[in-house]
C-alpha atoms as a PDB file:
ATOM      1  CA  MET A   1      18.877  -9.006  -6.996  1.00  0.00           C
ATOM      2  CA  LEU A   2      18.442  -6.214  -4.464  1.00  0.00           C
ATOM      3  CA  ARG A   3      14.589  -5.097  -4.370  1.00  0.00           C
ATOM      4  CA  ILE A   4      14.554  -1.069  -3.922  1.00  0.00           C
ATOM      5  CA  PHE A   5      12.082   1.103  -2.821  1.00  0.00           C
ATOM      6  CA  ILE A   6      11.933   4.549  -3.552  1.00  0.00           C
ATOM      7  CA  ALA A   7      10.466   7.626  -2.055  1.00  0.00           C
ATOM      8  CA  ASP A   8      10.929  10.936  -3.116  1.00  0.00           C
ATOM      9  CA  TYR A   9       8.727  13.583  -3.735  1.00  0.00           C
ATOM     10  CA  HIS A  10       9.526  14.517  -7.035  1.00  0.00           C
ATOM     11  CA  ALA A  11       9.190  12.727 -10.226  1.00  0.00           C
ATOM     12  CA  ILE A  12      12.206  13.841 -11.962  1.00  0.00           C
ATOM     13  CA  VAL A  13      13.879  12.338  -9.563  1.00  0.00           C
ATOM     14  CA  ARG A  14      12.324   9.270  -8.848  1.00  0.00           C
ATOM     15  CA  GLU A  15      13.255   8.589 -12.222  1.00  0.00           C
ATOM     16  CA  ARG A  16      16.854   9.526 -12.311  1.00  0.00           C
ATOM     17  CA  LEU A  17      17.624   7.298  -9.604  1.00  0.00           C
ATOM     18  CA  LYS A  18      15.545   4.514 -11.573  1.00  0.00           C
ATOM     19  CA  GLN A  19      17.814   5.212 -14.139  1.00  0.00           C
ATOM     20  CA  ILE A  20      21.129   4.942 -12.311  1.00  0.00           C
ATOM     21  CA  LEU A  21      20.237   2.136 -10.856  1.00  0.00           C
ATOM     22  CA  SER A  22      19.182   0.214 -13.775  1.00  0.00           C
ATOM     23  CA  GLU A  23      22.771   0.247 -14.616  1.00  0.00           C
ATOM     24  CA  SER A  24      23.594  -2.184 -12.174  1.00  0.00           C
ATOM     25  CA  PRO A  25      22.536  -5.671 -13.250  1.00  0.00           C
ATOM     26  CA  ASP A  26      22.312  -6.553  -9.181  1.00  0.00           C
ATOM     27  CA  MET A  27      19.681  -4.041  -8.001  1.00  0.00           C
ATOM     28  CA  ALA A  28      16.315  -3.162  -9.465  1.00  0.00           C
ATOM     29  CA  VAL A  29      13.414  -0.437  -8.397  1.00  0.00           C
ATOM     30  CA  VAL A  30      10.640  -2.489  -7.609  1.00  0.00           C
ATOM     31  CA  ALA A  31       8.089   0.219  -5.932  1.00  0.00           C
ATOM     32  CA  GLU A  32       8.139   4.342  -5.785  1.00  0.00           C
ATOM     33  CA  ALA A  33       6.397   6.400  -3.318  1.00  0.00           C
ATOM     34  CA  SER A  34       5.545  10.507  -3.474  1.00  0.00           C
ATOM     35  CA  ASN A  35       4.606  10.764  -0.284  1.00  0.00           C
ATOM     36  CA  ARG A  36       4.463   9.881   3.632  1.00  0.00           C
ATOM     37  CA  GLN A  37       1.447   7.816   3.414  1.00  0.00           C
ATOM     38  CA  GLU A  38       1.989   5.797   0.251  1.00  0.00           C
ATOM     39  CA  VAL A  39       5.643   5.377   1.786  1.00  0.00           C
ATOM     40  CA  MET A  40       3.810   3.916   4.958  1.00  0.00           C
ATOM     41  CA  ASP A  41       1.692   1.697   3.206  1.00  0.00           C
ATOM     42  CA  ARG A  42       4.241   0.185   0.580  1.00  0.00           C
ATOM     43  CA  VAL A  43       6.312  -0.623   3.521  1.00  0.00           C
ATOM     44  CA  ILE A  44       3.870  -2.105   5.945  1.00  0.00           C
ATOM     45  CA  THR A  45       2.519  -4.360   2.786  1.00  0.00           C
ATOM     46  CA  ASN A  46       5.478  -5.264   0.824  1.00  0.00           C
ATOM     47  CA  ASP A  47       9.013  -6.651   1.309  1.00  0.00           C
ATOM     48  CA  TYR A  48      11.948  -4.871  -0.092  1.00  0.00           C
ATOM     49  CA  ASP A  49      15.836  -5.020   0.442  1.00  0.00           C
ATOM     50  CA  LEU A  50      16.675  -0.821   0.862  1.00  0.00           C
ATOM     51  CA  VAL A  51      14.510   2.269   1.272  1.00  0.00           C
ATOM     52  CA  ILE A  52      16.102   5.204  -0.257  1.00  0.00           C
ATOM     53  CA  LEU A  53      14.383   7.697   1.593  1.00  0.00           C
ATOM     54  CA  ASP A  54      14.574  11.699   0.337  1.00  0.00           C
ATOM     55  CA  ILE A  55      14.894  13.735   3.537  1.00  0.00           C
ATOM     56  CA  ASP A  56      11.951  16.359   2.743  1.00  0.00           C
ATOM     57  CA  ILE A  57       9.059  13.084   3.357  1.00  0.00           C
ATOM     58  CA  ILE A  58      11.322  12.790   6.622  1.00  0.00           C
ATOM     59  CA  LEU A  59      11.029  16.482   7.396  1.00  0.00           C
ATOM     60  CA  GLU A  60       7.517  16.797   6.551  1.00  0.00           C
ATOM     61  CA  THR A  61       5.711  18.570   9.609  1.00  0.00           C
ATOM     62  CA  ASP A  62       2.410  18.881   8.328  1.00  0.00           C
ATOM     63  CA  ILE A  63       1.138  16.134  10.093  1.00  0.00           C
ATOM     64  CA  PRO A  64      -0.426  16.550  13.712  1.00  0.00           C
ATOM     65  CA  GLY A  65       1.504  15.201  16.281  1.00  0.00           C
ATOM     66  CA  LYS A  66       4.264  13.789  14.312  1.00  0.00           C
ATOM     67  CA  SER A  67       7.685  15.207  14.608  1.00  0.00           C
ATOM     68  CA  SER A  68      10.795  15.308  11.542  1.00  0.00           C
ATOM     69  CA  LEU A  69      11.869  12.048  12.230  1.00  0.00           C
ATOM     70  CA  ASP A  70       9.051   9.938  13.262  1.00  0.00           C
ATOM     71  CA  ILE A  71       8.507   8.596   9.090  1.00  0.00           C
ATOM     72  CA  LEU A  72      12.106   7.214   9.858  1.00  0.00           C
ATOM     73  CA  LYS A  73      11.439   5.849  13.124  1.00  0.00           C
ATOM     74  CA  GLU A  74       8.286   4.349  12.205  1.00  0.00           C
ATOM     75  CA  ILE A  75       9.531   2.713   9.083  1.00  0.00           C
ATOM     76  CA  LYS A  76      12.288   1.253  11.159  1.00  0.00           C
ATOM     77  CA  SER A  77      10.062  -0.324  14.277  1.00  0.00           C
ATOM     78  CA  ARG A  78       7.982  -1.673  11.480  1.00  0.00           C
ATOM     79  CA  LYS A  79      10.752  -3.217   9.983  1.00  0.00           C
ATOM     80  CA  PRO A  80      13.565  -3.054  12.416  1.00  0.00           C
ATOM     81  CA  LYS A  81      15.917  -5.002   9.660  1.00  0.00           C
ATOM     82  CA  LEU A  82      14.991  -2.998   6.663  1.00  0.00           C
ATOM     83  CA  PRO A  83      18.201  -0.534   5.399  1.00  0.00           C
ATOM     84  CA  VAL A  84      16.880   2.998   4.652  1.00  0.00           C
ATOM     85  CA  LEU A  85      19.235   5.410   2.969  1.00  0.00           C
ATOM     86  CA  VAL A  86      18.691   8.620   3.438  1.00  0.00           C
ATOM     87  CA  LEU A  87      19.288  10.604   0.346  1.00  0.00           C
ATOM     88  CA  SER A  88      19.035  14.693   1.008  1.00  0.00           C
ATOM     89  CA  MET A  89      20.052  17.791  -1.133  1.00  0.00           C
ATOM     90  CA  TYR A  90      20.763  19.628   2.583  1.00  0.00           C
ATOM     91  CA  PRO A  91      24.622  19.015   3.654  1.00  0.00           C
ATOM     92  CA  GLU A  92      25.744  16.134   5.677  1.00  0.00           C
ATOM     93  CA  GLU A  93      26.251  18.619   8.914  1.00  0.00           C
ATOM     94  CA  GLN A  94      23.255  19.588   8.879  1.00  0.00           C
ATOM     95  CA  TYR A  95      21.321  16.127   9.175  1.00  0.00           C
ATOM     96  CA  ALA A  96      23.507  12.930   8.482  1.00  0.00           C
ATOM     97  CA  VAL A  97      23.906  12.190  12.736  1.00  0.00           C
ATOM     98  CA  ARG A  98      20.240  13.168  13.300  1.00  0.00           C
ATOM     99  CA  VAL A  99      18.567  10.579  10.819  1.00  0.00           C
ATOM    100  CA  LEU A 100      21.644   7.868  11.776  1.00  0.00           C
ATOM    101  CA  LYS A 101      20.718   8.285  15.253  1.00  0.00           C
ATOM    102  CA  ALA A 102      16.967   7.713  14.058  1.00  0.00           C
ATOM    103  CA  GLY A 103      17.672   4.817  12.844  1.00  0.00           C
ATOM    104  CA  ALA A 104      18.917   5.093   9.005  1.00  0.00           C
ATOM    105  CA  SER A 105      21.624   2.955   7.421  1.00  0.00           C
ATOM    106  CA  GLY A 106      23.168   5.586   5.682  1.00  0.00           C
ATOM    107  CA  TYR A 107      23.304   9.687   4.884  1.00  0.00           C
ATOM    108  CA  LEU A 108      23.978  11.138   1.086  1.00  0.00           C
ATOM    109  CA  THR A 109      23.733  14.203  -0.665  1.00  0.00           C
ATOM    110  CA  THR A 110      22.465  14.833  -4.083  1.00  0.00           C
ATOM    111  CA  GLU A 111      25.936  16.124  -5.225  1.00  0.00           C
ATOM    112  CA  ASN A 112      27.267  12.671  -4.705  1.00  0.00           C
ATOM    113  CA  ALA A 113      28.119  11.016  -7.976  1.00  0.00           C
ATOM    114  CA  PRO A 114      25.672   8.282  -9.068  1.00  0.00           C
ATOM    115  CA  ASP A 115      28.548   5.346  -8.308  1.00  0.00           C
ATOM    116  CA  GLU A 116      29.057   6.387  -4.843  1.00  0.00           C
ATOM    117  CA  LEU A 117      25.062   6.355  -4.652  1.00  0.00           C
ATOM    118  CA  VAL A 118      25.691   2.635  -5.872  1.00  0.00           C
ATOM    119  CA  ALA A 119      28.312   2.185  -3.554  1.00  0.00           C
ATOM    120  CA  ALA A 120      26.407   3.156  -0.561  1.00  0.00           C
ATOM    121  CA  ILE A 121      23.714   0.752  -1.380  1.00  0.00           C
ATOM    122  CA  ARG A 122      25.648  -2.136  -1.680  1.00  0.00           C
ATOM    123  CA  LYS A 123      27.705  -1.090   1.644  1.00  0.00           C
ATOM    124  CA  ILE A 124      24.400  -1.024   3.703  1.00  0.00           C
ATOM    125  CA  ALA A 125      22.680  -3.991   1.647  1.00  0.00           C
ATOM    126  CA  GLN A 126      25.911  -5.860   3.521  1.00  0.00           C
ATOM    127  CA  GLY A 127      24.467  -4.776   6.675  1.00  0.00           C
ATOM    128  CA  LYS A 128      27.222  -1.940   7.300  1.00  0.00           C
ATOM    129  CA  LYS A 129      26.710   1.832   7.903  1.00  0.00           C
ATOM    130  CA  TYR A 130      27.333   4.262   5.089  1.00  0.00           C
ATOM    131  CA  ILE A 131      28.696   7.584   5.154  1.00  0.00           C
ATOM    132  CA  SER A 132      30.709   9.647   3.396  1.00  0.00           C
ATOM    133  CA  SER A 133      34.459  10.253   3.449  1.00  0.00           C
ATOM    134  CA  SER A 134      34.224  13.635   4.381  1.00  0.00           C
ATOM    135  CA  LEU A 135      31.559  13.198   7.245  1.00  0.00           C
ATOM    136  CA  ALA A 136      33.562  10.456   8.418  1.00  0.00           C
ATOM    137  CA  GLY A 137      36.814  12.859   8.677  1.00  0.00           C
ATOM    138  CA  LYS A 138      34.449  15.494  10.274  1.00  0.00           C
ATOM    139  CA  LEU A 139      33.214  13.251  12.499  1.00  0.00           C
ATOM    140  CA  LYS A 140      37.067  11.956  13.659  1.00  0.00           C
ATOM    141  CA  SER A 141      38.054  15.458  14.110  1.00  0.00           C
ATOM    142  CA  ASP A 142      35.125  16.087  16.607  1.00  0.00           C
ATOM    143  CA  PHE A 143      36.016  13.319  18.754  1.00  0.00           C
END
């Protein structure tokens, strides 16, 4: 059973994610957070198999001395093997490469279907990286 931690500002998004994941018998949402401090408190004190992290928590800039990717980097420094799937309403071209370079295991937009979320989680839980086929095609054409 995959123990999943959801970190998103919006309660309605957290509830929808829990609903989607509850349909997979091999996944359980065991914790949630709505801000940076809760994220770090829970990551430091608990063990999870995977974190789904809202990009807006990553991009929050109201903490003096913190850059937009610091929370992701801090999670990875504290728990380097903990996979993080970044969930975003922003197009992949804007942030996907940046968050993957900062340590995320995957990037998924909220426009994707629920079954793609489940597939991304399963792939990341196996120790692999997840990017959508559209981003893979764009990256391939760029190189």
